[in-house]
């Protein structure tokens, strides 16, 4: 009998983990009785009652497992590490807040049985803020045009991954992995299934403008070269323009000194403009350097505090 793993990253989801677990088990009992299941939670150092609830769930059901991180290791490292700890013939990754529909699980499994090793949920519509949705769409289209690697629009990681692809993830030595990009770059032929992202069932979202920016910059610095190329090209152009302006200024100063003194304002404006452009690209190059630094330090993805039920064989 095949085993299907369901991985659920958590952070302060005390109101959601128990009803989500019950909903997943109901789906397996009703629609997928021919499969075994394991539900794996990886908790990113929750400060509410999430961990105590997960401990109770694990005590009551050996097919529910949990990993407790010793610190909060971010929104990318924890799910990636969790995927590598699952033991099923395939693994379904989904969020803990019910925004990823539980009823998609049988559809994912069906496509997997048809031979697709990756089945992606594509968020074609959403009940999130329309302005945020618009910004996401702009971001996906922009990164898709700039990247030299295929990018998947409106893919959050929600989907099914065959154990053969989980093995690929295990062999990637990257302390700051970006799963969405890895799926597009290294994954086999995939099946994309559209769905509507639901509203959060309970609790507050952990995403904010900083985390969204962090996600955008991780993908930008991991899968594009255009930022550095733009810095080089624009830097060259402005250097050439600056040299020509200096020559013209010298010529005008020598010939028309008295009348030219009043015309220095445009030059000052130009200096400030060029300076601001330089600062922008210094910051952009800094983002690439931070990405490089995070990779060369070779820190672990996460450090575990403890794990529950991993030594027990599910029946």
Protein backbone atom coordinates (compact mmCIF):
# COMPACT_ATOMS: atom_id res chain seq x y z
CA UNK A 1 0.00 0.00 0.00
CA UNK A 2 1.38 3.40 -0.99
CA UNK A 3 1.92 6.10 1.60
CA UNK A 4 1.12 9.76 1.03
CA UNK A 5 2.82 12.35 3.22
CA UNK A 6 1.21 15.71 3.91
CA UNK A 7 3.65 18.38 5.09
CA UNK A 8 2.27 21.42 6.92
CA UNK A 9 4.61 24.21 8.09
CA UNK A 10 3.27 26.08 11.11
CA UNK A 11 3.94 29.27 13.00
CA UNK A 12 1.38 30.42 15.58
CA UNK A 13 -1.51 28.43 14.09
CA UNK A 14 -3.17 27.23 17.30
CA UNK A 15 -6.68 27.76 15.90
CA UNK A 16 -6.03 25.86 12.68
CA UNK A 17 -3.87 22.79 13.22
CA UNK A 18 -6.49 20.56 14.83
CA UNK A 19 -9.39 21.26 12.41
CA UNK A 20 -6.97 21.01 9.48
CA UNK A 21 -5.75 17.63 10.70
CA UNK A 22 -9.32 16.40 11.04
CA UNK A 23 -10.19 17.65 7.54
CA UNK A 24 -7.16 15.88 6.00
CA UNK A 25 -7.90 12.60 7.77
CA UNK A 26 -11.52 12.81 6.60
CA UNK A 27 -10.35 13.25 2.99
CA UNK A 28 -8.16 10.14 3.25
CA UNK A 29 -10.90 8.07 4.85
CA UNK A 30 -13.55 9.18 2.38
CA UNK A 31 -11.71 9.66 -0.94
CA UNK A 32 -8.37 7.86 -0.56
CA UNK A 33 -8.96 4.77 1.62
CA UNK A 34 -6.54 2.72 -0.47
CA UNK A 35 -3.57 4.80 0.72
CA UNK A 36 -1.73 5.08 3.99
CA UNK A 37 -0.98 8.60 5.16
CA UNK A 38 1.35 10.50 7.40
CA UNK A 39 0.77 14.11 8.39
CA UNK A 40 4.00 15.93 9.20
CA UNK A 41 4.00 19.30 10.91
CA UNK A 42 7.16 21.38 11.06
CA UNK A 43 6.77 24.17 13.58
CA UNK A 44 8.91 27.28 13.18
CA UNK A 45 9.17 28.19 16.89
CA UNK A 46 5.56 29.11 17.58
CA UNK A 47 4.94 31.25 20.65
CA UNK A 48 1.26 30.34 21.15
CA UNK A 49 -0.32 26.96 21.94
CA UNK A 50 0.47 25.39 18.56
CA UNK A 51 3.17 23.09 19.93
CA UNK A 52 1.09 21.74 22.80
CA UNK A 53 -1.79 21.02 20.39
CA UNK A 54 0.57 19.27 18.00
CA UNK A 55 1.96 17.18 20.87
CA UNK A 56 -1.57 16.06 21.77
CA UNK A 57 -2.32 15.20 18.15
CA UNK A 58 0.85 13.12 17.92
CA UNK A 59 0.05 11.31 21.17
CA UNK A 60 -3.37 10.34 19.86
CA UNK A 61 -2.34 9.28 16.37
CA UNK A 62 1.05 7.73 15.45
CA UNK A 63 0.50 8.72 11.83
CA UNK A 64 0.80 12.37 12.82
CA UNK A 65 4.38 13.56 13.22
CA UNK A 66 5.93 16.84 14.27
CA UNK A 67 9.28 18.59 14.09
CA UNK A 68 9.88 21.51 16.46
CA UNK A 69 12.54 23.97 15.31
CA UNK A 70 14.77 25.51 17.97
CA UNK A 71 14.38 28.96 16.37
CA UNK A 72 12.37 30.60 13.62
CA UNK A 73 14.37 29.81 10.49
CA UNK A 74 12.21 31.70 8.02
CA UNK A 75 9.43 31.00 5.58
CA UNK A 76 11.59 29.14 3.04
CA UNK A 77 14.03 26.98 5.01
CA UNK A 78 11.49 25.32 7.29
CA UNK A 79 9.13 23.94 4.59
CA UNK A 80 12.07 22.83 2.44
CA UNK A 81 13.65 20.98 5.36
CA UNK A 82 10.30 19.43 6.21
CA UNK A 83 9.89 18.07 2.68
CA UNK A 84 13.21 16.31 3.05
CA UNK A 85 12.05 14.59 6.25
CA UNK A 86 8.90 13.00 4.83
CA UNK A 87 8.87 9.26 4.10
CA UNK A 88 5.89 8.77 1.79
CA UNK A 89 5.85 7.73 -1.86
CA UNK A 90 4.84 11.33 -2.51
CA UNK A 91 4.50 14.45 -0.38
CA UNK A 92 1.82 17.14 -0.50
CA UNK A 93 2.89 20.56 0.77
CA UNK A 94 0.15 22.85 2.02
CA UNK A 95 -0.23 25.79 4.38
CA UNK A 96 -1.85 25.53 7.80
CA UNK A 97 -4.46 28.27 7.45
CA UNK A 98 -6.92 26.55 5.05
CA UNK A 99 -6.01 28.89 2.17
CA UNK A 100 -4.86 25.80 0.28
CA UNK A 101 -8.07 23.74 -0.24
CA UNK A 102 -7.97 20.31 1.38
CA UNK A 103 -10.24 18.92 -1.34
CA UNK A 104 -7.38 19.37 -3.84
CA UNK A 105 -5.54 16.41 -2.30
CA UNK A 106 -7.46 13.69 -4.26
CA UNK A 107 -6.94 15.64 -7.51
CA UNK A 108 -3.21 15.86 -6.86
CA UNK A 109 -3.02 12.14 -6.12
CA UNK A 110 -5.00 11.27 -9.26
CA UNK A 111 -2.58 13.21 -11.48
CA UNK A 112 0.36 11.65 -9.66
CA UNK A 113 -1.00 8.21 -10.44
CA UNK A 114 -1.22 9.27 -14.09
CA UNK A 115 2.56 9.61 -14.08
CA UNK A 116 3.26 13.23 -13.12
CA UNK A 117 6.01 13.47 -10.51
CA UNK A 118 5.12 17.07 -9.70
CA UNK A 119 1.58 18.44 -9.49
CA UNK A 120 1.37 22.19 -8.87
CA UNK A 121 -1.57 24.15 -7.56
CA UNK A 122 -1.78 27.38 -9.57
CA UNK A 123 -3.58 30.22 -7.82
CA UNK A 124 -5.70 31.56 -10.70
CA UNK A 125 -7.97 33.52 -8.37
CA UNK A 126 -7.84 34.58 -4.77
CA UNK A 127 -9.90 36.14 -2.04
CA UNK A 128 -6.91 38.15 -0.84
CA UNK A 129 -6.63 41.93 -1.10
CA UNK A 130 -7.00 42.93 -4.75
CA UNK A 131 -4.12 45.41 -4.60
CA UNK A 132 -1.81 42.73 -3.17
CA UNK A 133 -3.02 40.34 -5.87
CA UNK A 134 -2.19 42.96 -8.52
CA UNK A 135 1.31 43.45 -7.11
CA UNK A 136 1.89 39.70 -7.06
CA UNK A 137 0.82 39.43 -10.70
CA UNK A 138 3.19 42.24 -11.69
CA UNK A 139 6.01 40.59 -9.78
CA UNK A 140 5.48 37.16 -11.38
CA UNK A 141 5.35 38.59 -14.89
CA UNK A 142 8.42 40.75 -14.28
CA UNK A 143 10.54 37.98 -12.80
CA UNK A 144 9.43 35.62 -15.57
CA UNK A 145 10.68 38.03 -18.24
CA UNK A 146 13.96 38.78 -16.47
CA UNK A 147 14.88 35.25 -15.39
CA UNK A 148 16.98 32.93 -17.50
CA UNK A 149 15.13 30.05 -15.83
CA UNK A 150 11.45 29.28 -16.34
CA UNK A 151 9.28 30.67 -13.55
CA UNK A 152 5.80 29.46 -12.57
CA UNK A 153 3.28 32.25 -12.13
CA UNK A 154 1.09 32.24 -9.01
CA UNK A 155 2.69 29.09 -7.63
CA UNK A 156 3.19 29.22 -3.87
CA UNK A 157 4.61 25.72 -3.36
CA UNK A 158 1.20 24.13 -2.79
CA UNK A 159 1.33 20.83 -4.64
CA UNK A 160 2.44 17.22 -4.75
CA UNK A 161 6.04 16.02 -5.09
CA UNK A 162 7.04 12.45 -5.90
CA UNK A 163 9.68 10.85 -3.69
CA UNK A 164 12.09 10.91 -6.65
CA UNK A 165 11.95 14.71 -6.63
CA UNK A 166 12.24 14.77 -2.83
CA UNK A 167 15.51 12.88 -3.35
CA UNK A 168 16.64 15.69 -5.67
CA UNK A 169 15.83 18.25 -2.97
CA UNK A 170 17.87 16.23 -0.47
CA UNK A 171 20.90 16.40 -2.74
CA UNK A 172 20.80 20.18 -3.19
CA UNK A 173 23.35 21.83 -0.91
CA UNK A 174 21.81 25.29 -0.60
CA UNK A 175 21.31 26.97 2.81
CA UNK A 176 18.80 29.43 1.32
CA UNK A 177 16.69 27.32 -1.06
CA UNK A 178 13.86 28.86 -3.06
CA UNK A 179 11.51 25.92 -3.65
CA UNK A 180 9.38 27.58 -6.34
CA UNK A 181 12.43 28.30 -8.46
CA UNK A 182 13.90 24.83 -7.88
CA UNK A 183 10.65 23.21 -9.03
CA UNK A 184 10.74 25.25 -12.23
CA UNK A 185 14.46 24.75 -12.83
CA UNK A 186 15.08 21.14 -11.84
CA UNK A 187 11.67 19.51 -11.69
CA UNK A 188 10.43 17.01 -14.29
CA UNK A 189 7.36 17.56 -16.47
CA UNK A 190 4.62 18.78 -14.16
CA UNK A 191 0.86 19.02 -14.12
CA UNK A 192 -0.63 22.38 -13.19
CA UNK A 193 -4.08 22.49 -11.59
CA UNK A 194 -5.86 25.84 -11.13
CA UNK A 195 -7.58 26.66 -7.86
CA UNK A 196 -9.01 29.60 -5.97
CA UNK A 197 -7.09 30.54 -2.88
CA UNK A 198 -9.47 30.77 0.06
CA UNK A 199 -9.49 33.21 2.93
CA UNK A 200 -7.53 32.39 6.06
CA UNK A 201 -9.82 30.37 8.35
CA UNK A 202 -8.54 31.80 11.63
CA UNK A 203 -5.64 33.76 13.05
CA UNK A 204 -3.58 36.46 11.40
CA UNK A 205 -1.33 36.18 8.38
CA UNK A 206 2.39 36.12 9.10
CA UNK A 207 3.23 37.79 5.81
CA UNK A 208 3.93 41.51 5.69
CA UNK A 209 5.65 43.87 3.28
CA UNK A 210 9.06 42.86 4.59
CA UNK A 211 8.50 39.11 4.14
CA UNK A 212 7.02 39.70 0.68
CA UNK A 213 10.05 41.83 -0.24
CA UNK A 214 12.35 39.14 1.15
CA UNK A 215 10.66 36.51 -1.04
CA UNK A 216 10.88 38.74 -4.11
CA UNK A 217 14.57 39.51 -3.60
CA UNK A 218 15.46 35.86 -2.97
CA UNK A 219 13.99 34.84 -6.30
CA UNK A 220 15.44 37.91 -8.03
CA UNK A 221 19.00 37.35 -6.80
CA UNK A 222 18.80 33.57 -7.29
CA UNK A 223 17.43 33.47 -10.82
CA UNK A 224 18.26 36.75 -12.60
CA UNK A 225 21.40 38.51 -13.77
CA UNK A 226 19.65 41.58 -15.07
CA UNK A 227 20.22 43.64 -11.92
CA UNK A 228 23.99 43.39 -12.19
CA UNK A 229 23.90 43.84 -15.96
CA UNK A 230 21.79 46.99 -15.60
CA UNK A 231 24.22 48.34 -13.02
CA UNK A 232 27.10 47.78 -15.45
CA UNK A 233 25.35 49.22 -18.52
CA UNK A 234 23.79 52.23 -16.83
CA UNK A 235 27.01 52.90 -14.94
CA UNK A 236 28.91 52.95 -18.23
CA UNK A 237 26.36 55.24 -19.90
CA UNK A 238 26.32 57.73 -17.03
CA UNK A 239 30.10 57.70 -16.87
CA UNK A 240 30.23 58.61 -20.55
CA UNK A 241 27.57 61.29 -20.10
CA UNK A 242 29.37 62.64 -17.04
CA UNK A 243 32.63 62.87 -18.99
CA UNK A 244 30.95 64.77 -21.83
CA UNK A 245 29.20 67.13 -19.41
CA UNK A 246 32.56 67.80 -17.71
CA UNK A 247 34.12 68.74 -21.05
CA UNK A 248 31.22 71.03 -21.96
CA UNK A 249 31.32 72.61 -18.51
CA UNK A 250 35.04 73.26 -18.81
CA UNK A 251 34.59 74.80 -22.23
CA UNK A 252 31.70 77.01 -21.08
CA UNK A 253 33.54 78.08 -17.96
CA UNK A 254 36.60 79.18 -19.90
CA UNK A 255 34.65 81.17 -22.47
CA UNK A 256 31.47 82.35 -20.73
CA UNK A 257 32.46 82.49 -17.05
CA UNK A 258 30.29 85.37 -15.84
CA UNK A 259 27.09 84.26 -17.50
CA UNK A 260 27.66 80.59 -16.73
CA UNK A 261 27.84 80.87 -12.95
CA UNK A 262 24.04 81.21 -12.75
CA UNK A 263 23.59 78.08 -14.79
CA UNK A 264 25.13 75.68 -12.26
CA UNK A 265 21.78 74.49 -10.83
CA UNK A 266 21.20 71.90 -13.59
CA UNK A 267 24.65 70.50 -12.94
CA UNK A 268 23.93 70.14 -9.23
CA UNK A 269 20.65 68.42 -10.04
CA UNK A 270 22.52 66.06 -12.34
CA UNK A 271 25.04 65.27 -9.60
CA UNK A 272 22.28 64.39 -7.17
CA UNK A 273 20.51 62.30 -9.82
CA UNK A 274 23.61 60.32 -10.66
CA UNK A 275 24.39 59.92 -6.95
CA UNK A 276 20.92 58.51 -6.24
CA UNK A 277 21.25 56.07 -9.14
CA UNK A 278 24.59 54.95 -7.75
CA UNK A 279 23.10 54.39 -4.31
CA UNK A 280 20.25 52.36 -5.84
CA UNK A 281 22.62 50.03 -7.64
CA UNK A 282 24.93 49.77 -4.64
CA UNK A 283 21.91 48.54 -2.68
CA UNK A 284 20.97 46.13 -5.47
CA UNK A 285 24.49 44.74 -5.63
CA UNK A 286 24.33 44.45 -1.85
CA UNK A 287 21.28 42.18 -2.19
CA UNK A 288 23.29 39.86 -4.43
CA UNK A 289 26.19 39.94 -1.97
CA UNK A 290 23.89 39.07 0.94
CA UNK A 291 22.55 36.15 -1.09
CA UNK A 292 26.09 34.97 -1.81
CA UNK A 293 27.09 35.40 1.84
CA UNK A 294 24.14 33.33 3.03
CA UNK A 295 25.18 30.52 0.71
CA UNK A 296 28.91 30.45 1.38
CA UNK A 297 28.47 30.39 5.17
CA UNK A 298 26.84 26.97 4.71
CA UNK A 299 24.62 27.17 7.76
CA UNK A 300 22.09 24.34 8.31
CA UNK A 301 18.57 24.84 6.98
CA UNK A 302 17.12 24.46 10.47
CA UNK A 303 18.18 23.18 13.88
CA UNK A 304 15.67 20.84 15.49
CA UNK A 305 14.61 21.06 19.10
CA UNK A 306 12.80 17.73 18.98
CA UNK A 307 10.67 15.51 16.78
CA UNK A 308 7.63 13.42 17.61
CA UNK A 309 6.55 9.99 16.27
CA UNK A 310 9.38 9.66 13.76
CA UNK A 311 10.63 6.50 15.43
CA UNK A 312 7.25 4.85 15.26
CA UNK A 313 6.01 2.85 12.29
CA UNK A 314 2.59 3.94 11.09
CA UNK A 315 0.13 1.13 10.77
